[in-house]
Every structure is written in structure tokens, then in C-alpha cells.
Amino acid sequence: MKAIIFDLFGTLIDLRSDELAHKELSKYLSLIHGTSNFEEHLRLYHKYASKGLSSVKAVWKALEELACIRNFSIKLSMKDIEELHIKYHVKYSILFNDAIKALEMAKRAVDILGLVSDADVAVVNAILEHLGIKKYFNAIVTSEELSIRKPDPRLFLEVSRRLSVRPEKCVVIGDSWKDVEGGKKAGMKVVLLLRSGKAKWSSPYKPDYEAKDLVEAVSKALEALEVDKH
């Protein structure tokens, strides 16, 4: 048995849509609490997200800190924040043009596909359902579930376990050094997707293959799996 494991944002979904969703959510939260400086909330959100908090918790912590700074009472509950977070991500998430073709190609070839994302469980499921691509995946693992983030290899090992496919028979496709390092540490081959032709690098680990679009990335993944067979 063989499997291909996909990253979500930057690989299947335009990363700019995630950034736009957070920007618009910060605008809304700032507006209803009487402050026009949404960039302050956005900055605080990124501060907490960088500490490993889930996106919803990071939005909430940013709002709490902003309330202390600007001296206002929070008008929403954590549940409200979660629902708004999902709403804005569903509204702004955009599939890359090559995503469906690549997923169809991968599904026909190996049938077993996984997804690993640092986004929250509810957000990932809502986006996948909205875009009509959840049906392609046999297993989905998020950082929120395991309370760890990429490049921790345990995320990749967990999706391998859920797929019932040995790590050495899995190939990861992602657009970040975190996908490369996490996949390689888990004992998997990795295809680095370079849509812009370059990538910021913060890891000693290198990909097995590089690709300029997702269809080419799937082709490289299938090539890697054929190499594994022999």
C-alpha cells in the first residue's frame, strides 16, 4: 500500500486567502469593539499563533489583550469566535486551479490520500466541505488535535498510522520547509511545491523532488513511490 499526503494552505488552497480571512476577521472584531486599528489585533493574533496556539485560541487571546490595552469589554464568546473564524475562512478560501486535476490524478493512481494541516479541525473540515474536496482524503490530521505543529514529525506519522500505510511508503507534498523537515523526519519522501519559484528555508533537511505546480508535484510523488517499489 502507498499513499500521498498533502499540505493544505499554500499547496491546495491559496495561502493569501488564509491571510485575507484573518485580516477581515480582525477588521470585524475591531469594528464591533469600537476600535478602528484592526492591524493591532492582527499583530497580536500572529504573536499568539507563533507560540503554537490554535488559530481560534490565538484570535481570542489577541482580543483579550486588545481589550486590556483599549479598555473595552469583549462582546463575544469563544464559540462566537470559532463560528466567525470558520465563516471567514470558508468565504475567502480559494482552491488553486490545478488542485482538482492533481487530486484526481493522485486518487486514481494510489487511491489512499492524507492531509496534514496546522489549521484548526473545524476550519479544515468546513473548508474542505465547502470546496468539495473532502471526499478525496482517507485521513486528515491537524495540529489542533495533537497539540503540536509542523515540522513535528508526529503529525506525519499519525496520518500514516490512520491510513495504515508505512511511512516509507508515503510521499508528502507541501510548499514549506516545515513540510519537508516533518516528512523527512518521519521517514517519508517529500516533494517541495515551488509555485513562486522559490521558498524561504530554515531547515537542514532537503526535499527529494521539487515541482513548479501541483500536477507536476503529484507526478514526482508517483515517481518516488515507484522507486520505493523497487
Protein backbone atom coordinates (compact mmCIF):
# COMPACT_ATOMS: atom_id res chain seq x y z
CA MET A 1 0.00 0.00 0.00
CA LYS A 2 1.17 3.51 -0.88
CA ALA A 3 -0.10 6.98 -0.04
CA ILE A 4 0.33 10.64 -0.89
CA ILE A 5 -0.01 13.18 1.93
CA PHE A 6 -0.92 16.77 1.08
CA ASP A 7 -0.45 20.04 2.90
CA LEU A 8 -3.46 22.40 2.72
CA PHE A 9 -2.66 26.13 2.68
CA GLY A 10 -0.14 27.07 0.01
CA THR A 11 -0.47 23.66 -1.63
CA LEU A 12 -4.16 23.09 -2.36
CA ILE A 13 -5.53 26.44 -1.21
CA ASP A 14 -4.04 29.84 -1.94
CA LEU A 15 -2.21 30.97 1.20
CA ARG A 16 -3.27 34.55 0.52
CA SER A 17 -6.89 33.54 1.17
CA ASP A 18 -5.94 32.46 4.71
CA GLU A 19 -4.22 35.79 5.27
CA LEU A 20 -7.24 37.67 3.90
CA ALA A 21 -9.63 35.72 6.15
CA HIS A 22 -7.64 36.68 9.25
CA LYS A 23 -7.40 40.30 8.10
CA GLU A 24 -11.15 40.61 7.54
CA LEU A 25 -11.91 38.87 10.84
CA SER A 26 -9.63 41.30 12.67
CA LYS A 27 -11.40 44.20 10.96
CA TYR A 28 -14.79 42.92 12.10
CA LEU A 29 -13.69 42.27 15.69
CA SER A 30 -12.08 45.69 15.93
CA LEU A 31 -15.16 47.39 14.47
CA ILE A 32 -17.70 45.88 16.86
CA HIS A 33 -15.47 46.71 19.82
CA GLY A 34 -15.11 50.36 18.84
CA THR A 35 -11.50 50.43 17.66
CA SER A 36 -10.54 51.13 14.06
CA ASN A 37 -6.99 49.81 14.33
CA PHE A 38 -7.57 46.23 13.14
CA GLU A 39 -3.84 45.85 12.44
CA GLU A 40 -3.23 45.88 16.18
CA HIS A 41 -5.44 42.82 16.65
CA LEU A 42 -3.88 41.13 13.62
CA ARG A 43 -0.39 41.70 15.02
CA LEU A 44 -1.42 40.25 18.38
CA TYR A 45 -3.03 37.28 16.64
CA HIS A 46 0.23 36.44 14.86
CA LYS A 47 2.09 36.78 18.16
CA TYR A 48 -0.06 34.13 19.83
CA ALA A 49 -0.26 31.90 16.76
CA SER A 50 3.55 31.83 16.61
CA LYS A 51 3.54 30.41 20.15
CA GLY A 52 1.71 27.31 18.93
CA LEU A 53 -1.84 28.20 19.94
CA SER A 54 -4.66 27.05 17.69
CA SER A 55 -5.96 29.77 15.38
CA VAL A 56 -9.21 30.26 17.32
CA LYS A 57 -7.38 30.48 20.65
CA ALA A 58 -4.87 32.91 19.13
CA VAL A 59 -7.73 35.13 17.88
CA TRP A 60 -9.30 35.01 21.34
CA LYS A 61 -6.07 35.77 23.21
CA ALA A 62 -5.38 38.67 20.84
CA LEU A 63 -8.86 40.04 21.53
CA GLU A 64 -8.35 39.69 25.30
CA GLU A 65 -5.06 41.58 25.16
CA LEU A 66 -6.54 44.26 22.92
CA ALA A 67 -9.44 44.65 25.37
CA CYS A 68 -6.94 45.33 28.16
CA ILE A 69 -4.97 47.80 26.04
CA ARG A 70 -8.03 49.68 24.73
CA ASN A 71 -10.16 49.20 27.85
CA PHE A 72 -13.27 47.58 26.39
CA SER A 73 -15.40 44.56 27.31
CA ILE A 74 -15.46 41.61 24.92
CA LYS A 75 -18.91 41.22 23.41
CA LEU A 76 -18.42 37.72 22.03
CA SER A 77 -17.90 34.23 23.42
CA MET A 78 -15.21 31.77 22.39
CA LYS A 79 -17.93 29.88 20.49
CA ASP A 80 -18.79 33.06 18.59
CA ILE A 81 -15.13 33.49 17.67
CA GLU A 82 -14.93 29.91 16.40
CA GLU A 83 -18.03 30.38 14.23
CA LEU A 84 -16.72 33.66 12.82
CA HIS A 85 -13.34 32.09 12.18
CA ILE A 86 -14.96 29.32 10.15
CA LYS A 87 -17.25 31.76 8.34
CA TYR A 88 -14.42 34.00 7.14
CA HIS A 89 -12.19 31.11 6.08
CA VAL A 90 -14.98 29.45 4.13
CA LYS A 91 -15.82 32.78 2.49
CA TYR A 92 -12.29 33.59 1.34
CA SER A 93 -10.67 30.18 0.71
CA ILE A 94 -9.73 29.69 -2.94
CA LEU A 95 -8.54 26.44 -4.50
CA PHE A 96 -5.57 26.64 -6.80
CA ASN A 97 -6.59 25.99 -10.41
CA ASP A 98 -4.57 22.77 -10.57
CA ALA A 99 -5.86 21.30 -7.29
CA ILE A 100 -8.76 19.20 -8.59
CA LYS A 101 -6.79 17.80 -11.51
CA ALA A 102 -3.91 16.88 -9.20
CA LEU A 103 -6.19 15.27 -6.61
CA GLU A 104 -8.00 13.25 -9.28
CA MET A 105 -4.66 12.13 -10.68
CA ALA A 106 -3.38 11.09 -7.25
CA LYS A 107 -6.61 9.32 -6.29
CA ARG A 108 -6.65 7.27 -9.49
CA ALA A 109 -3.02 6.26 -9.09
CA VAL A 110 -2.74 5.34 -5.41
CA ASP A 111 -6.29 5.79 -4.03
CA ILE A 112 -5.02 6.47 -0.48
CA LEU A 113 -4.59 10.20 0.24
CA GLY A 114 -3.96 12.04 3.50
CA LEU A 115 -3.94 15.65 4.62
CA VAL A 116 -1.84 17.36 7.31
CA SER A 117 -2.55 20.95 8.34
CA ASP A 118 -1.65 23.40 11.08
CA ALA A 119 -5.18 24.85 10.85
CA ASP A 120 -7.96 24.05 13.33
CA VAL A 121 -10.07 20.90 12.88
CA ALA A 122 -13.39 22.70 12.40
CA VAL A 123 -11.89 25.17 9.93
CA VAL A 124 -10.22 22.46 7.85
CA ASN A 125 -13.38 20.35 7.68
CA ALA A 126 -15.58 23.35 6.81
CA ILE A 127 -13.23 24.50 4.05
CA LEU A 128 -12.87 21.02 2.56
CA GLU A 129 -16.64 20.51 2.58
CA HIS A 130 -17.28 23.94 1.06
CA LEU A 131 -14.75 23.41 -1.73
CA GLY A 132 -15.94 19.86 -2.37
CA ILE A 133 -12.58 18.14 -1.84
CA LYS A 134 -13.03 16.35 1.49
CA LYS A 135 -14.09 13.22 -0.41
CA TYR A 136 -10.55 12.76 -1.73
CA PHE A 137 -8.96 12.18 1.68
CA ASN A 138 -8.88 8.94 3.63
CA ALA A 139 -7.41 10.62 6.72
CA ILE A 140 -6.99 14.20 7.93
CA VAL A 141 -4.70 15.25 10.78
CA THR A 142 -4.49 18.75 12.25
CA SER A 143 -2.14 20.37 14.72
CA GLU A 144 -5.05 21.24 16.98
CA GLU A 145 -5.83 17.54 17.51
CA LEU A 146 -2.32 16.62 18.62
CA SER A 147 -1.34 19.98 20.20
CA ILE A 148 1.81 20.09 18.09
CA ARG A 149 2.71 21.94 14.90
CA LYS A 150 4.81 21.32 11.82
CA PRO A 151 7.63 20.41 11.45
CA ASP A 152 6.96 17.92 14.26
CA PRO A 153 7.13 14.51 12.52
CA ARG A 154 4.42 13.09 14.79
CA LEU A 155 1.80 14.83 12.64
CA PHE A 156 3.00 12.94 9.58
CA LEU A 157 3.40 9.68 11.46
CA GLU A 158 -0.16 9.99 12.77
CA VAL A 159 -1.65 10.40 9.30
CA SER A 160 0.45 7.43 8.17
CA ARG A 161 -0.98 5.40 11.06
CA ARG A 162 -4.56 6.40 10.23
CA LEU A 163 -4.01 5.49 6.59
CA SER A 164 -2.48 2.13 7.61
CA VAL A 165 0.46 2.82 5.29
CA ARG A 166 4.08 2.56 6.43
CA PRO A 167 5.94 5.91 6.47
CA GLU A 168 8.46 4.77 3.86
CA LYS A 169 5.53 4.13 1.50
CA CYS A 170 4.22 7.69 1.89
CA VAL A 171 5.17 10.80 -0.07
CA VAL A 172 4.47 14.28 1.29
CA ILE A 173 3.61 17.21 -0.99
CA GLY A 174 3.96 20.65 0.60
CA ASP A 175 5.11 24.19 -0.06
CA SER A 176 7.13 24.85 3.12
CA TRP A 177 10.39 23.81 4.74
CA LYS A 178 8.18 22.62 7.61
CA ASP A 179 6.55 20.04 5.34
CA VAL A 180 9.98 18.93 4.15
CA GLU A 181 11.52 18.62 7.60
CA GLY A 182 8.46 16.98 9.15
CA GLY A 183 8.09 14.49 6.32
CA LYS A 184 11.77 13.61 6.17
CA LYS A 185 12.00 13.13 9.95
CA ALA A 186 9.01 10.79 9.69
CA GLY A 187 10.89 8.67 7.16
CA MET A 188 8.89 9.80 4.12
CA LYS A 189 9.92 11.16 0.76
CA VAL A 190 8.92 14.77 0.12
CA VAL A 191 8.06 16.83 -2.95
CA LEU A 192 8.52 20.57 -2.40
CA LEU A 193 5.99 22.66 -4.32
CA LEU A 194 7.54 25.91 -5.54
CA ARG A 195 4.65 27.86 -7.03
CA SER A 196 6.58 31.13 -6.86
CA GLY A 197 9.84 29.53 -7.93
CA LYS A 198 11.49 29.92 -4.52
CA ALA A 199 10.98 29.12 -0.84
CA LYS A 200 12.17 30.55 2.47
CA TRP A 201 14.39 27.95 4.11
CA SER A 202 15.02 27.31 7.80
CA SER A 203 15.95 23.64 7.87
CA PRO A 204 18.94 21.37 7.19
CA TYR A 205 16.54 18.92 5.53
CA LYS A 206 16.15 18.98 1.76
CA PRO A 207 13.30 17.68 -0.42
CA ASP A 208 13.66 14.62 -2.62
CA TYR A 209 11.97 16.41 -5.50
CA GLU A 210 10.84 19.91 -6.46
CA ALA A 211 7.87 20.89 -8.63
CA LYS A 212 6.54 24.15 -10.03
CA ASP A 213 2.84 23.17 -9.91
CA LEU A 214 0.66 20.62 -8.16
CA VAL A 215 0.18 18.30 -11.14
CA GLU A 216 3.95 18.06 -11.54
CA ALA A 217 4.24 17.50 -7.78
CA VAL A 218 1.86 14.53 -7.96
CA SER A 219 3.83 13.15 -10.92
CA LYS A 220 7.02 13.41 -8.85
CA ALA A 221 5.29 11.73 -5.90
CA LEU A 222 4.21 8.83 -8.09
CA GLU A 223 7.74 8.57 -9.42
CA ALA A 224 9.03 8.41 -5.85
CA LEU A 225 6.57 5.67 -4.96
CA GLU A 226 7.64 3.64 -7.99
CA VAL A 227 11.25 3.96 -6.81
CA ASP A 228 10.15 2.67 -3.40
CA LYS A 229 8.60 -0.43 -5.01
CA HIS A 230 11.95 -1.48 -6.38
